[in-house]
Amino acid sequence: MGFFSTILEKLGIGSTAAATPTAPPPTAAPAGPGAAPVVAPPPTPVALVDVVAQLEQRAAANPQKLNWRTSIVDLLKLLDIDSSFAARKELATELGCPADLMGDSAKMNMWLHKTVLARIAANGGNVPKELLD
């Protein structure tokens, strides 16, 4: 299991495959001459997970003042995930952080925070638009 899939799991979002679009199954051949083709039902939409409510609730219950809206370290801490530099670097590598940002921890952290929130949203988390810009 990858680092990012652990984040999704902690948020109750399921697997990263859940948001990967797949082609609908092909239409089956008609049962006989003049019979209508059998069409598979449309895929069930991914239910949105209220990420904001979960994180706000965790933040309120945490003795530390953590700002998950701007800090990847605080976001990881709220999810009880290792927030060390080595762990963040591993997550950044997994998510494809550009090499030029990997050498500057502040730039890597900013990229990582935005990318993690965007990926959470892409996998069924309701992340506010202002956090994705």
N, C-alpha and C. Protein backbone atom coordinates (compact mmCIF):
# COMPACT_ATOMS: atom_id res chain seq x y z
N MET A 1 0.86 -1.18 0.00
CA MET A 1 0.00 0.00 0.00
C MET A 1 0.90 1.22 0.00
N GLY A 2 0.59 2.18 -0.86
CA GLY A 2 1.38 3.39 -0.95
C GLY A 2 1.02 4.38 0.14
N PHE A 3 1.87 5.36 0.30
CA PHE A 3 1.69 6.40 1.31
C PHE A 3 0.37 7.13 1.10
N PHE A 4 0.07 7.50 -0.16
CA PHE A 4 -1.15 8.26 -0.42
C PHE A 4 -2.39 7.42 -0.15
N SER A 5 -2.35 6.14 -0.43
CA SER A 5 -3.51 5.30 -0.16
C SER A 5 -3.79 5.21 1.34
N THR A 6 -2.75 5.38 2.16
CA THR A 6 -2.95 5.42 3.61
C THR A 6 -3.74 6.68 3.99
N ILE A 7 -3.45 7.79 3.33
CA ILE A 7 -4.18 9.04 3.58
C ILE A 7 -5.66 8.84 3.24
N LEU A 8 -5.92 8.26 2.07
CA LEU A 8 -7.30 8.02 1.66
C LEU A 8 -8.01 7.09 2.65
N GLU A 9 -7.31 6.06 3.07
CA GLU A 9 -7.89 5.11 4.02
C GLU A 9 -8.26 5.79 5.34
N LYS A 10 -7.37 6.66 5.84
CA LYS A 10 -7.63 7.37 7.10
C LYS A 10 -8.86 8.27 6.98
N LEU A 11 -9.13 8.76 5.76
CA LEU A 11 -10.27 9.63 5.52
C LEU A 11 -11.53 8.84 5.16
N GLY A 12 -11.39 7.52 5.06
CA GLY A 12 -12.54 6.69 4.71
C GLY A 12 -12.94 6.78 3.26
N ILE A 13 -11.96 7.04 2.41
CA ILE A 13 -12.25 7.23 0.99
C ILE A 13 -12.09 5.94 0.20
N GLY A 14 -11.49 4.93 0.72
CA GLY A 14 -11.36 3.68 -0.02
C GLY A 14 -10.09 3.64 -0.83
N SER A 15 -10.13 2.92 -1.91
CA SER A 15 -8.91 2.72 -2.70
C SER A 15 -8.75 3.81 -3.73
N THR A 16 -7.52 4.00 -4.19
CA THR A 16 -7.24 5.00 -5.21
C THR A 16 -7.87 4.59 -6.53
N ALA A 17 -8.16 3.30 -6.70
CA ALA A 17 -8.79 2.84 -7.94
C ALA A 17 -10.23 3.31 -8.05
N ALA A 18 -10.83 3.70 -6.95
CA ALA A 18 -12.23 4.11 -6.96
C ALA A 18 -12.47 5.31 -7.86
N ALA A 19 -11.51 6.19 -8.00
CA ALA A 19 -11.71 7.39 -8.80
C ALA A 19 -11.12 7.27 -10.19
N THR A 20 -10.51 6.14 -10.48
CA THR A 20 -9.93 5.95 -11.80
C THR A 20 -11.06 5.64 -12.78
N PRO A 21 -11.26 6.50 -13.76
CA PRO A 21 -12.35 6.23 -14.68
C PRO A 21 -12.10 4.96 -15.47
N THR A 22 -13.13 4.17 -15.63
CA THR A 22 -13.01 2.96 -16.42
C THR A 22 -14.06 3.01 -17.50
N ALA A 23 -13.78 2.34 -18.59
CA ALA A 23 -14.75 2.30 -19.68
C ALA A 23 -15.92 1.44 -19.26
N PRO A 24 -17.13 1.81 -19.66
CA PRO A 24 -18.27 0.98 -19.32
C PRO A 24 -18.15 -0.37 -20.00
N PRO A 25 -18.74 -1.42 -19.43
CA PRO A 25 -18.63 -2.72 -20.06
C PRO A 25 -19.30 -2.69 -21.43
N PRO A 26 -18.80 -3.49 -22.34
CA PRO A 26 -19.38 -3.46 -23.68
C PRO A 26 -20.81 -3.98 -23.64
N THR A 27 -21.58 -3.55 -24.63
CA THR A 27 -22.96 -4.01 -24.75
C THR A 27 -22.93 -5.46 -25.20
N ALA A 28 -23.73 -6.29 -24.55
CA ALA A 28 -23.79 -7.70 -24.91
C ALA A 28 -24.52 -7.86 -26.24
N ALA A 29 -24.21 -8.93 -26.92
CA ALA A 29 -24.87 -9.20 -28.19
C ALA A 29 -26.33 -9.55 -27.93
N PRO A 30 -27.21 -9.26 -28.87
CA PRO A 30 -28.63 -9.61 -28.69
C PRO A 30 -28.79 -11.11 -28.50
N ALA A 31 -29.81 -11.50 -27.75
CA ALA A 31 -30.06 -12.90 -27.47
C ALA A 31 -30.51 -13.65 -28.72
N GLY A 32 -31.11 -12.99 -29.63
CA GLY A 32 -31.58 -13.64 -30.86
C GLY A 32 -31.95 -12.59 -31.87
N PRO A 33 -32.39 -13.00 -33.04
CA PRO A 33 -32.77 -12.04 -34.06
C PRO A 33 -33.90 -11.14 -33.57
N GLY A 34 -33.74 -9.84 -33.74
CA GLY A 34 -34.76 -8.89 -33.35
C GLY A 34 -34.76 -8.54 -31.87
N ALA A 35 -33.92 -9.19 -31.07
CA ALA A 35 -33.88 -8.92 -29.62
C ALA A 35 -33.07 -7.64 -29.37
N ALA A 36 -33.48 -6.90 -28.37
CA ALA A 36 -32.77 -5.66 -28.01
C ALA A 36 -31.45 -6.01 -27.33
N PRO A 37 -30.40 -5.22 -27.57
CA PRO A 37 -29.13 -5.50 -26.90
C PRO A 37 -29.26 -5.29 -25.39
N VAL A 38 -28.49 -6.06 -24.66
CA VAL A 38 -28.49 -5.94 -23.20
C VAL A 38 -27.44 -4.91 -22.84
N VAL A 39 -27.85 -3.89 -22.09
CA VAL A 39 -26.94 -2.82 -21.72
C VAL A 39 -26.70 -2.89 -20.21
N ALA A 40 -25.43 -2.83 -19.82
CA ALA A 40 -25.08 -2.86 -18.39
C ALA A 40 -25.52 -1.56 -17.74
N PRO A 41 -25.91 -1.61 -16.46
CA PRO A 41 -26.30 -0.37 -15.78
C PRO A 41 -25.11 0.57 -15.66
N PRO A 42 -25.37 1.88 -15.57
CA PRO A 42 -24.27 2.84 -15.44
C PRO A 42 -23.53 2.61 -14.13
N PRO A 43 -22.24 2.94 -14.09
CA PRO A 43 -21.48 2.76 -12.85
C PRO A 43 -22.05 3.64 -11.73
N THR A 44 -21.95 3.13 -10.53
CA THR A 44 -22.41 3.88 -9.37
C THR A 44 -21.44 5.02 -9.10
N PRO A 45 -21.94 6.26 -8.93
CA PRO A 45 -21.04 7.38 -8.66
C PRO A 45 -20.35 7.20 -7.30
N VAL A 46 -19.14 7.71 -7.21
CA VAL A 46 -18.38 7.65 -5.97
C VAL A 46 -19.00 8.62 -4.99
N ALA A 47 -19.30 8.13 -3.79
CA ALA A 47 -19.89 9.01 -2.77
C ALA A 47 -18.82 9.98 -2.27
N LEU A 48 -19.22 11.24 -2.09
CA LEU A 48 -18.29 12.24 -1.57
C LEU A 48 -18.10 12.04 -0.07
N VAL A 49 -16.87 12.17 0.36
CA VAL A 49 -16.54 12.09 1.78
C VAL A 49 -16.31 13.51 2.27
N ASP A 50 -16.92 13.88 3.39
CA ASP A 50 -16.79 15.22 3.93
C ASP A 50 -15.44 15.37 4.64
N VAL A 51 -14.43 15.63 3.86
CA VAL A 51 -13.05 15.74 4.35
C VAL A 51 -12.92 16.92 5.32
N VAL A 52 -13.52 18.05 4.99
CA VAL A 52 -13.42 19.24 5.83
C VAL A 52 -13.97 18.96 7.21
N ALA A 53 -15.16 18.37 7.28
CA ALA A 53 -15.77 18.08 8.58
C ALA A 53 -14.89 17.13 9.39
N GLN A 54 -14.36 16.11 8.74
CA GLN A 54 -13.49 15.16 9.43
C GLN A 54 -12.24 15.83 10.00
N LEU A 55 -11.60 16.63 9.16
CA LEU A 55 -10.36 17.27 9.60
C LEU A 55 -10.61 18.34 10.66
N GLU A 56 -11.70 19.07 10.51
CA GLU A 56 -12.03 20.09 11.52
C GLU A 56 -12.33 19.42 12.86
N GLN A 57 -13.03 18.30 12.82
CA GLN A 57 -13.34 17.56 14.05
C GLN A 57 -12.06 17.04 14.70
N ARG A 58 -11.17 16.50 13.89
CA ARG A 58 -9.89 16.01 14.42
C ARG A 58 -9.07 17.16 15.00
N ALA A 59 -9.07 18.30 14.31
CA ALA A 59 -8.30 19.46 14.78
C ALA A 59 -8.84 19.97 16.11
N ALA A 60 -10.17 20.00 16.25
CA ALA A 60 -10.79 20.46 17.50
C ALA A 60 -10.45 19.54 18.67
N ALA A 61 -10.31 18.26 18.39
CA ALA A 61 -10.02 17.29 19.45
C ALA A 61 -8.53 17.17 19.74
N ASN A 62 -7.70 17.76 18.91
CA ASN A 62 -6.25 17.63 19.07
C ASN A 62 -5.73 18.71 20.03
N PRO A 63 -4.87 18.34 20.98
CA PRO A 63 -4.34 19.34 21.91
C PRO A 63 -3.41 20.36 21.24
N GLN A 64 -2.81 19.99 20.10
CA GLN A 64 -1.97 20.93 19.36
C GLN A 64 -2.85 21.79 18.47
N LYS A 65 -2.41 23.01 18.21
CA LYS A 65 -3.13 23.88 17.28
C LYS A 65 -2.56 23.58 15.88
N LEU A 66 -3.31 22.76 15.12
CA LEU A 66 -2.85 22.32 13.82
C LEU A 66 -3.68 22.96 12.72
N ASN A 67 -3.00 23.49 11.70
CA ASN A 67 -3.69 24.14 10.58
C ASN A 67 -3.53 23.29 9.32
N TRP A 68 -4.40 22.32 9.16
CA TRP A 68 -4.34 21.42 8.03
C TRP A 68 -4.62 22.12 6.70
N ARG A 69 -5.27 23.29 6.75
CA ARG A 69 -5.62 24.00 5.51
C ARG A 69 -4.40 24.58 4.80
N THR A 70 -3.30 24.79 5.51
CA THR A 70 -2.11 25.36 4.89
C THR A 70 -0.85 24.52 5.07
N SER A 71 -0.87 23.55 5.95
CA SER A 71 0.35 22.81 6.28
C SER A 71 0.19 21.31 6.02
N ILE A 72 1.06 20.76 5.20
CA ILE A 72 1.07 19.31 4.96
C ILE A 72 1.48 18.58 6.23
N VAL A 73 2.37 19.16 7.00
CA VAL A 73 2.80 18.54 8.26
C VAL A 73 1.59 18.41 9.20
N ASP A 74 0.83 19.48 9.35
CA ASP A 74 -0.34 19.45 10.23
C ASP A 74 -1.41 18.50 9.70
N LEU A 75 -1.59 18.45 8.40
CA LEU A 75 -2.55 17.54 7.80
C LEU A 75 -2.18 16.10 8.12
N LEU A 76 -0.92 15.75 7.94
CA LEU A 76 -0.48 14.39 8.24
C LEU A 76 -0.60 14.07 9.73
N LYS A 77 -0.27 15.05 10.58
CA LYS A 77 -0.40 14.84 12.02
C LYS A 77 -1.84 14.56 12.41
N LEU A 78 -2.79 15.30 11.83
CA LEU A 78 -4.20 15.08 12.14
C LEU A 78 -4.66 13.68 11.76
N LEU A 79 -4.04 13.12 10.74
CA LEU A 79 -4.40 11.79 10.28
C LEU A 79 -3.57 10.69 10.96
N ASP A 80 -2.77 11.09 11.95
CA ASP A 80 -1.89 10.15 12.66
C ASP A 80 -0.97 9.40 11.70
N ILE A 81 -0.38 10.17 10.78
CA ILE A 81 0.56 9.63 9.81
C ILE A 81 1.90 10.32 10.02
N ASP A 82 2.98 9.59 9.84
CA ASP A 82 4.32 10.13 10.00
C ASP A 82 4.48 11.40 9.16
N SER A 83 4.83 12.51 9.82
CA SER A 83 4.99 13.78 9.12
C SER A 83 6.45 14.22 9.03
N SER A 84 7.36 13.30 9.30
CA SER A 84 8.78 13.63 9.25
C SER A 84 9.18 14.04 7.82
N PHE A 85 10.33 14.70 7.72
CA PHE A 85 10.82 15.11 6.41
C PHE A 85 10.99 13.91 5.49
N ALA A 86 11.52 12.81 6.02
CA ALA A 86 11.72 11.61 5.20
C ALA A 86 10.39 11.07 4.68
N ALA A 87 9.36 11.08 5.54
CA ALA A 87 8.05 10.59 5.12
C ALA A 87 7.44 11.51 4.07
N ARG A 88 7.58 12.82 4.26
CA ARG A 88 7.05 13.77 3.27
C ARG A 88 7.78 13.65 1.95
N LYS A 89 9.07 13.41 2.01
CA LYS A 89 9.86 13.24 0.79
C LYS A 89 9.40 11.97 0.05
N GLU A 90 9.12 10.93 0.81
CA GLU A 90 8.62 9.68 0.21
C GLU A 90 7.27 9.92 -0.46
N LEU A 91 6.39 10.65 0.21
CA LEU A 91 5.07 10.96 -0.36
C LEU A 91 5.22 11.83 -1.60
N ALA A 92 6.10 12.81 -1.55
CA ALA A 92 6.33 13.69 -2.70
C ALA A 92 6.84 12.88 -3.90
N THR A 93 7.73 11.94 -3.65
CA THR A 93 8.25 11.09 -4.71
C THR A 93 7.12 10.24 -5.30
N GLU A 94 6.30 9.67 -4.42
CA GLU A 94 5.18 8.83 -4.86
C GLU A 94 4.21 9.62 -5.74
N LEU A 95 3.98 10.88 -5.41
CA LEU A 95 3.02 11.70 -6.15
C LEU A 95 3.64 12.43 -7.34
N GLY A 96 4.93 12.25 -7.56
CA GLY A 96 5.57 12.83 -8.75
C GLY A 96 6.00 14.27 -8.62
N CYS A 97 6.48 14.65 -7.45
CA CYS A 97 6.95 16.02 -7.25
C CYS A 97 8.12 16.31 -8.19
N PRO A 98 8.11 17.47 -8.84
CA PRO A 98 9.22 17.83 -9.73
C PRO A 98 10.55 17.85 -8.96
N ALA A 99 11.59 17.37 -9.61
CA ALA A 99 12.91 17.25 -8.98
C ALA A 99 13.42 18.58 -8.45
N ASP A 100 13.13 19.69 -9.15
CA ASP A 100 13.65 20.98 -8.71
C ASP A 100 13.02 21.44 -7.39
N LEU A 101 11.86 20.90 -7.02
CA LEU A 101 11.23 21.26 -5.75
C LEU A 101 11.69 20.36 -4.60
N MET A 102 12.18 19.19 -4.93
CA MET A 102 12.58 18.22 -3.90
C MET A 102 13.75 18.72 -3.05
N GLY A 103 14.58 19.59 -3.59
CA GLY A 103 15.73 20.09 -2.85
C GLY A 103 15.41 21.24 -1.91
N ASP A 104 14.22 21.80 -2.01
CA ASP A 104 13.80 22.93 -1.17
C ASP A 104 12.58 22.48 -0.38
N SER A 105 12.76 22.21 0.92
CA SER A 105 11.67 21.61 1.70
C SER A 105 10.42 22.49 1.74
N ALA A 106 10.58 23.81 1.78
CA ALA A 106 9.41 24.70 1.81
C ALA A 106 8.62 24.59 0.51
N LYS A 107 9.31 24.62 -0.63
CA LYS A 107 8.63 24.50 -1.92
C LYS A 107 8.01 23.12 -2.08
N MET A 108 8.74 22.08 -1.64
CA MET A 108 8.21 20.72 -1.71
C MET A 108 6.95 20.61 -0.87
N ASN A 109 6.97 21.18 0.34
CA ASN A 109 5.81 21.11 1.23
C ASN A 109 4.59 21.81 0.63
N MET A 110 4.80 22.97 0.01
CA MET A 110 3.68 23.69 -0.60
C MET A 110 3.10 22.88 -1.76
N TRP A 111 3.97 22.34 -2.60
CA TRP A 111 3.53 21.51 -3.71
C TRP A 111 2.79 20.29 -3.18
N LEU A 112 3.35 19.67 -2.18
CA LEU A 112 2.78 18.46 -1.62
C LEU A 112 1.40 18.71 -1.02
N HIS A 113 1.25 19.81 -0.29
CA HIS A 113 -0.04 20.13 0.32
C HIS A 113 -1.12 20.28 -0.75
N LYS A 114 -0.84 21.08 -1.77
CA LYS A 114 -1.83 21.29 -2.84
C LYS A 114 -2.12 19.99 -3.60
N THR A 115 -1.09 19.22 -3.85
CA THR A 115 -1.26 17.98 -4.61
C THR A 115 -2.06 16.95 -3.81
N VAL A 116 -1.77 16.82 -2.53
CA VAL A 116 -2.51 15.88 -1.68
C VAL A 116 -3.99 16.27 -1.64
N LEU A 117 -4.29 17.54 -1.44
CA LEU A 117 -5.68 17.98 -1.40
C LEU A 117 -6.37 17.74 -2.75
N ALA A 118 -5.67 18.01 -3.84
CA ALA A 118 -6.24 17.79 -5.17
C ALA A 118 -6.52 16.30 -5.40
N ARG A 119 -5.60 15.46 -4.98
CA ARG A 119 -5.79 14.02 -5.15
C ARG A 119 -6.90 13.49 -4.25
N ILE A 120 -7.03 14.05 -3.06
CA ILE A 120 -8.14 13.66 -2.18
C ILE A 120 -9.45 14.01 -2.86
N ALA A 121 -9.52 15.21 -3.44
CA ALA A 121 -10.73 15.64 -4.15
C ALA A 121 -11.02 14.73 -5.34
N ALA A 122 -9.98 14.35 -6.07
CA ALA A 122 -10.16 13.49 -7.23
C ALA A 122 -10.62 12.09 -6.86
N ASN A 123 -10.42 11.71 -5.61
CA ASN A 123 -10.80 10.38 -5.16
C ASN A 123 -12.08 10.37 -4.34
N GLY A 124 -12.83 11.47 -4.38
CA GLY A 124 -14.13 11.48 -3.71
C GLY A 124 -14.20 12.30 -2.44
N GLY A 125 -13.19 13.08 -2.14
CA GLY A 125 -13.23 13.96 -0.97
C GLY A 125 -13.72 15.34 -1.36
N ASN A 126 -14.56 15.94 -0.54
CA ASN A 126 -15.06 17.28 -0.87
C ASN A 126 -14.12 18.34 -0.30
N VAL A 127 -13.16 18.72 -1.07
CA VAL A 127 -12.19 19.72 -0.69
C VAL A 127 -12.64 21.05 -1.29
N PRO A 128 -12.75 22.10 -0.47
CA PRO A 128 -13.19 23.41 -0.99
C PRO A 128 -12.28 23.92 -2.11
N LYS A 129 -12.90 24.57 -3.10
CA LYS A 129 -12.17 25.08 -4.25
C LYS A 129 -11.02 26.00 -3.85
N GLU A 130 -11.22 26.84 -2.82
CA GLU A 130 -10.17 27.77 -2.43
C GLU A 130 -8.90 27.06 -1.93
N LEU A 131 -9.03 25.79 -1.51
CA LEU A 131 -7.85 25.03 -1.09
C LEU A 131 -7.18 24.33 -2.26
N LEU A 132 -7.84 24.32 -3.38
CA LEU A 132 -7.29 23.64 -4.56
C LEU A 132 -6.62 24.60 -5.54
N ASP A 133 -6.82 25.91 -5.37
CA ASP A 133 -6.24 26.90 -6.29
C ASP A 133 -4.78 27.13 -6.01
